[in-house]
Protein backbone atom coordinates (compact mmCIF):
# COMPACT_ATOMS: atom_id res chain seq x y z
CA LEU A 1 -11.89 -29.79 52.55
CA TYR A 2 -11.93 -28.75 56.16
CA LYS A 3 -9.90 -30.71 58.57
CA ILE A 4 -11.52 -29.85 61.90
CA THR A 5 -15.12 -30.53 62.74
CA GLU A 6 -17.30 -31.92 65.47
CA ASP A 7 -17.68 -35.71 65.56
CA GLY A 8 -19.72 -36.96 62.70
CA ALA A 9 -20.95 -33.58 61.33
CA ASN A 10 -19.88 -30.85 58.89
CA PRO A 11 -18.05 -28.01 60.51
CA ASN A 12 -20.32 -25.23 61.67
CA SER A 13 -19.77 -21.60 60.24
CA PHE A 14 -17.49 -20.72 63.17
CA LEU A 15 -15.14 -23.69 62.54
CA ARG A 16 -15.24 -22.99 58.74
CA GLU A 17 -14.27 -19.48 59.22
CA GLN A 18 -11.54 -20.24 61.69
CA GLN A 19 -9.76 -22.73 59.52
CA PHE A 20 -10.59 -21.82 55.93
CA LYS A 21 -7.27 -20.01 54.95
CA LEU A 22 -5.18 -22.85 56.39
CA SER A 23 -7.43 -25.50 54.84
CA ALA A 24 -7.01 -23.95 51.44
CA GLU A 25 -3.32 -23.56 51.89
CA LEU A 26 -3.02 -27.22 52.88
CA ILE A 27 -5.03 -28.23 49.70
CA LYS A 28 -2.65 -26.06 47.73
CA LEU A 29 0.43 -27.69 49.20
CA GLU A 30 -0.98 -31.22 48.82
CA ILE A 31 -1.49 -30.56 45.10
CA GLU A 32 1.89 -29.06 44.69
CA GLU A 33 3.50 -31.98 46.38
CA LEU A 34 1.45 -34.82 44.73
CA LYS A 35 0.96 -33.18 41.27
CA PRO A 36 -2.07 -35.26 40.47
CA LYS A 37 -3.42 -35.08 36.91
CA TYR A 38 -6.92 -35.12 38.47
CA CYS A 39 -8.46 -34.23 41.83
CA ILE A 40 -11.98 -35.40 42.48
CA VAL A 41 -13.76 -33.33 45.09
CA LEU A 42 -16.90 -35.04 46.48
CA THR A 43 -19.12 -32.28 47.66
CA ASN A 44 -21.55 -29.64 46.34
CA TYR A 45 -20.35 -26.56 44.56
CA ASP A 46 -21.42 -24.26 47.51
CA TRP A 47 -18.76 -25.93 49.72
CA TRP A 48 -16.13 -26.02 46.95
CA GLU A 49 -16.62 -22.49 45.58
CA PRO A 50 -14.63 -20.47 48.19
CA PHE A 51 -11.75 -22.91 47.91
CA GLY A 52 -11.75 -22.66 44.13
CA ILE A 53 -11.59 -18.79 44.52
CA GLU A 54 -8.91 -18.87 47.11
CA LEU A 55 -6.68 -21.34 45.03
CA GLY A 56 -7.30 -19.42 41.87
CA THR A 57 -8.71 -22.24 39.82
CA LYS A 58 -9.95 -21.54 36.24
CA ARG A 59 -13.23 -23.12 35.06
CA ILE A 60 -13.06 -25.51 32.15
CA PRO A 61 -16.07 -26.04 29.81
CA TYR A 62 -17.68 -29.52 30.04
CA ASP A 63 -20.84 -31.19 28.89
CA LYS A 64 -23.73 -29.93 31.14
CA GLU A 65 -25.68 -33.11 30.59
CA LEU A 66 -23.27 -34.59 33.13
CA ASN A 67 -25.62 -33.59 35.93
CA ASN A 68 -23.51 -35.12 38.82
CA ILE A 69 -20.59 -32.89 37.85
CA ALA A 70 -20.93 -29.50 39.58
CA SER A 71 -17.83 -27.90 37.98
CA PHE A 72 -14.65 -28.73 36.13
CA GLU A 73 -11.61 -26.52 36.91
CA GLN A 74 -7.90 -26.39 36.62
CA LEU A 75 -4.88 -25.19 38.70
CA ASN A 76 -1.55 -25.48 36.96
CA GLU A 77 -1.54 -29.06 35.60
CA THR A 78 -4.18 -30.36 37.99
CA LYS A 79 -7.79 -30.55 36.89
CA PHE A 80 -10.47 -30.62 39.59
CA ILE A 81 -13.69 -32.36 39.21
CA ILE A 82 -16.27 -31.21 41.61
CA THR A 83 -19.03 -33.75 41.90
CA THR A 84 -22.00 -34.29 44.12
CA ARG A 85 -21.83 -37.16 46.50
CA PRO A 86 -23.52 -40.30 45.69
CA ARG A 87 -25.61 -40.62 48.80
CA PHE A 88 -27.55 -43.77 48.45
CA GLY A 89 -27.40 -46.89 46.32
CA SER A 90 -24.92 -47.42 43.56
CA GLY A 91 -22.36 -44.75 42.59
CA GLU A 92 -22.19 -46.20 39.01
CA ASN A 93 -23.71 -43.01 37.49
CA HIS A 94 -21.11 -40.79 39.13
CA VAL A 95 -18.35 -43.10 38.03
CA SER A 96 -19.65 -43.13 34.52
CA GLN A 97 -19.77 -39.31 34.36
CA LEU A 98 -16.25 -39.00 35.99
CA LEU A 99 -14.84 -41.24 33.28
CA LYS A 100 -16.57 -39.23 30.49
CA ILE A 101 -14.72 -36.13 31.82
CA ILE A 102 -11.36 -37.87 32.30
CA GLY A 103 -11.59 -39.61 28.94
């Protein structure tokens, strides 16, 4: 979501604050240009939430038993699936849950 960070780390609060508006605008421009049907966001909801608010996404109801899905949202024709990152081992469970949302 953020484009600038220290090598190998998440951006600290200063870097996030300095680039947030431009990062959100870049995401908006990328979505407008590419017009994807789905955008999969591999992060936790705390990292995504400010972007969703800034972009003006609307939440879509989904099966809460899909415990790797943090949120399902829409902006114009693009649906955003916010999912936790599969950190260790196989990502099969994540893929399975993503496919259930996508259909």
